[in-house]
Amino acid sequence: AGSLYKFSRDGKTITKLLAPVSISNALDWTPDGTTFYYVDTLTMQLDKFDYEDSGITNRRTLVKFDESDGMPDGGCSDSEGGMWIGFWGGSHIRRYDSTGRKTHEIKMPVKNITSCAFAGENLDMLIVTTASADDAENPKSGMTFALEPGIKGNKTVLFN
């Protein structure tokens, strides 16, 4: 098992935030920076935490996924505070609002969705990455897709 760490802005301090973890995925913040979303793939859940510069607190499970969904993999947040998650083995991307309600599901022509991120000048394109593992016979597996989901992405805060 591993751990999730935070580096200080000056790069001199490393703080363990969470342990044990298996496969950290879909880490992102709400637009106001007060909530941190986190997927540990093998736990099959989307968690959210309160976030401050000092770290993360008040962990709560937002969504518990079923094995039939596929494995939650990478993801990103949007400008409305929702979280988009790709599902390995699930052939879809889903969006959950801040209460854990599923608001969107986009079916994909491939089995293994690895991650997604918003792009474009207006952050209105959802870029979806996939893998060909266990789906090599599908000529579209391993491709990158660009979608327009009708919701804009959350601006990325750069580490400095």
Protein backbone atom coordinates (compact mmCIF):
# COMPACT_ATOMS: atom_id res chain seq x y z
CA ALA A 1 0.00 0.00 0.00
CA GLY A 2 1.09 3.53 -0.67
CA SER A 3 0.38 7.02 0.59
CA LEU A 4 -0.75 10.39 -0.73
CA TYR A 5 1.64 13.26 0.01
CA LYS A 6 1.65 17.04 -0.23
CA PHE A 7 4.69 19.15 -1.05
CA SER A 8 5.04 22.60 0.49
CA ARG A 9 5.20 25.55 -1.86
CA ASP A 10 8.90 26.01 -1.12
CA GLY A 11 9.55 22.33 -1.80
CA LYS A 12 11.21 21.79 1.58
CA THR A 13 8.43 19.94 3.38
CA ILE A 14 6.62 16.74 2.44
CA THR A 15 3.49 15.88 4.42
CA LYS A 16 1.65 12.57 4.33
CA LEU A 17 -2.05 13.31 3.82
CA LEU A 18 -3.57 9.87 3.41
CA ALA A 19 -2.56 6.26 4.00
CA PRO A 20 -2.93 3.52 3.07
CA VAL A 21 -3.90 4.00 -0.57
CA SER A 22 -3.77 1.55 -3.45
CA ILE A 23 -4.12 3.41 -6.77
CA SER A 24 -4.62 7.17 -6.50
CA ASN A 25 -6.73 8.57 -9.35
CA ALA A 26 -9.05 11.45 -10.20
CA LEU A 27 -7.56 14.02 -7.82
CA ASP A 28 -9.02 17.49 -8.25
CA TRP A 29 -10.52 20.48 -6.45
CA THR A 30 -13.79 22.38 -6.70
CA PRO A 31 -13.59 25.83 -8.33
CA ASP A 32 -13.54 27.60 -4.96
CA GLY A 33 -10.69 25.37 -3.75
CA THR A 34 -12.45 24.26 -0.56
CA THR A 35 -13.22 20.66 -1.55
CA PHE A 36 -10.79 17.98 -2.72
CA TYR A 37 -12.08 15.01 -4.75
CA TYR A 38 -10.22 11.72 -4.66
CA VAL A 39 -10.59 8.25 -6.15
CA ASP A 40 -8.59 5.31 -4.81
CA THR A 41 -9.44 2.86 -7.60
CA LEU A 42 -9.44 -0.36 -5.59
CA THR A 43 -11.82 1.04 -2.96
CA MET A 44 -14.39 1.60 -5.75
CA GLN A 45 -15.43 4.98 -4.42
CA LEU A 46 -15.27 8.72 -4.97
CA ASP A 47 -14.42 10.54 -1.76
CA LYS A 48 -14.42 14.22 -0.96
CA PHE A 49 -12.52 16.11 1.70
CA ASP A 50 -12.52 19.61 3.09
CA TYR A 51 -9.36 21.30 1.86
CA GLU A 52 -7.19 24.05 3.32
CA ASP A 53 -3.53 24.86 2.77
CA SER A 54 -2.73 22.78 5.84
CA GLY A 55 -4.18 19.65 4.25
CA ILE A 56 -7.32 17.57 3.84
CA THR A 57 -9.88 16.74 6.54
CA ASN A 58 -13.41 15.42 6.97
CA ARG A 59 -13.25 12.51 4.52
CA ARG A 60 -16.62 11.29 3.33
CA THR A 61 -17.67 8.92 0.59
CA LEU A 62 -19.58 10.71 -2.14
CA VAL A 63 -20.22 7.69 -4.41
CA LYS A 64 -19.69 3.95 -3.91
CA PHE A 65 -19.36 2.27 -7.30
CA ASP A 66 -20.57 -1.20 -8.23
CA GLU A 67 -18.24 -3.69 -9.94
CA SER A 68 -20.58 -3.63 -12.95
CA ASP A 69 -19.61 0.05 -13.46
CA GLY A 70 -15.99 -0.84 -14.21
CA MET A 71 -13.08 0.46 -12.14
CA PRO A 72 -13.03 4.23 -11.47
CA ASP A 73 -9.89 5.63 -13.04
CA GLY A 74 -8.74 9.15 -13.86
CA GLY A 75 -10.93 12.21 -13.88
CA CYS A 76 -11.31 15.94 -13.47
CA SER A 77 -13.61 18.56 -12.00
CA ASP A 78 -15.69 21.12 -13.85
CA SER A 79 -16.67 24.76 -13.39
CA GLU A 80 -19.87 23.77 -11.57
CA GLY A 81 -18.06 21.69 -8.95
CA GLY A 82 -18.92 18.35 -10.55
CA MET A 83 -16.49 15.48 -11.01
CA TRP A 84 -16.01 13.55 -14.28
CA ILE A 85 -14.61 10.02 -14.00
CA GLY A 86 -13.54 7.50 -16.63
CA PHE A 87 -14.14 3.81 -15.92
CA TRP A 88 -11.59 1.15 -16.80
CA GLY A 89 -13.55 -1.80 -18.22
CA GLY A 90 -16.77 0.21 -18.13
CA SER A 91 -16.89 1.85 -21.59
CA HIS A 92 -18.17 5.13 -20.16
CA ILE A 93 -17.45 8.44 -18.47
CA ARG A 94 -19.72 9.73 -15.74
CA ARG A 95 -20.25 13.09 -14.09
CA TYR A 96 -21.32 13.38 -10.46
CA ASP A 97 -22.45 16.61 -8.85
CA SER A 98 -21.26 17.79 -5.44
CA THR A 99 -23.96 15.71 -3.70
CA GLY A 100 -22.92 12.47 -5.46
CA ARG A 101 -25.83 12.41 -7.90
CA LYS A 102 -24.95 11.04 -11.36
CA THR A 103 -25.88 13.78 -13.84
CA HIS A 104 -24.21 12.60 -17.06
CA GLU A 105 -23.07 9.33 -18.58
CA ILE A 106 -21.26 9.25 -21.90
CA LYS A 107 -20.92 5.84 -23.55
CA MET A 108 -17.61 5.34 -25.31
CA PRO A 109 -16.78 2.97 -28.22
CA VAL A 110 -13.93 1.39 -26.23
CA LYS A 111 -13.68 -0.68 -23.06
CA ASN A 112 -10.94 1.01 -21.04
CA ILE A 113 -11.25 4.71 -20.25
CA THR A 114 -8.12 5.92 -18.46
CA SER A 115 -8.75 9.61 -17.79
CA CYS A 116 -10.26 12.86 -18.95
CA ALA A 117 -9.39 16.55 -18.80
CA PHE A 118 -10.95 19.75 -20.05
CA ALA A 119 -9.15 21.65 -22.80
CA GLY A 120 -9.63 24.37 -25.36
CA GLU A 121 -9.62 28.14 -25.09
CA ASN A 122 -12.95 28.06 -23.23
CA LEU A 123 -12.34 24.75 -21.42
CA ASP A 124 -15.41 23.37 -23.20
CA MET A 125 -13.84 20.23 -24.67
CA LEU A 126 -13.46 17.07 -22.63
CA ILE A 127 -10.39 15.14 -23.76
CA VAL A 128 -10.73 11.42 -23.02
CA THR A 129 -7.81 8.99 -23.02
CA THR A 130 -8.19 5.24 -23.40
CA ALA A 131 -6.05 2.10 -23.36
CA SER A 132 -5.87 -0.89 -25.68
CA ALA A 133 -5.14 -3.43 -22.91
CA ASP A 134 -7.70 -6.26 -22.94
CA ASP A 135 -9.43 -4.56 -25.92
CA ALA A 136 -6.79 -4.81 -28.65
CA GLU A 137 -9.25 -6.17 -31.24
CA ASN A 138 -11.14 -2.87 -31.12
CA PRO A 139 -9.42 -0.47 -33.58
CA LYS A 140 -10.52 2.56 -31.52
CA SER A 141 -9.03 1.36 -28.23
CA GLY A 142 -6.01 3.37 -27.19
CA MET A 143 -7.29 6.45 -29.03
CA THR A 144 -7.84 9.90 -27.56
CA PHE A 145 -11.29 11.43 -28.00
CA ALA A 146 -12.51 15.05 -27.85
CA LEU A 147 -16.08 15.58 -26.62
CA GLU A 148 -18.26 18.62 -26.00
CA PRO A 149 -20.27 17.77 -22.87
CA GLY A 150 -22.00 21.16 -22.52
CA ILE A 151 -20.23 22.02 -19.26
CA LYS A 152 -16.96 23.90 -18.97
CA GLY A 153 -13.91 22.69 -17.13
CA ASN A 154 -12.46 23.99 -13.91
CA LYS A 155 -9.40 26.21 -14.36
CA THR A 156 -6.27 24.45 -13.20
CA VAL A 157 -4.40 26.00 -10.31
CA LEU A 158 -0.69 25.79 -11.03
CA PHE A 159 1.73 24.70 -8.33
CA ASN A 160 4.22 27.40 -7.50
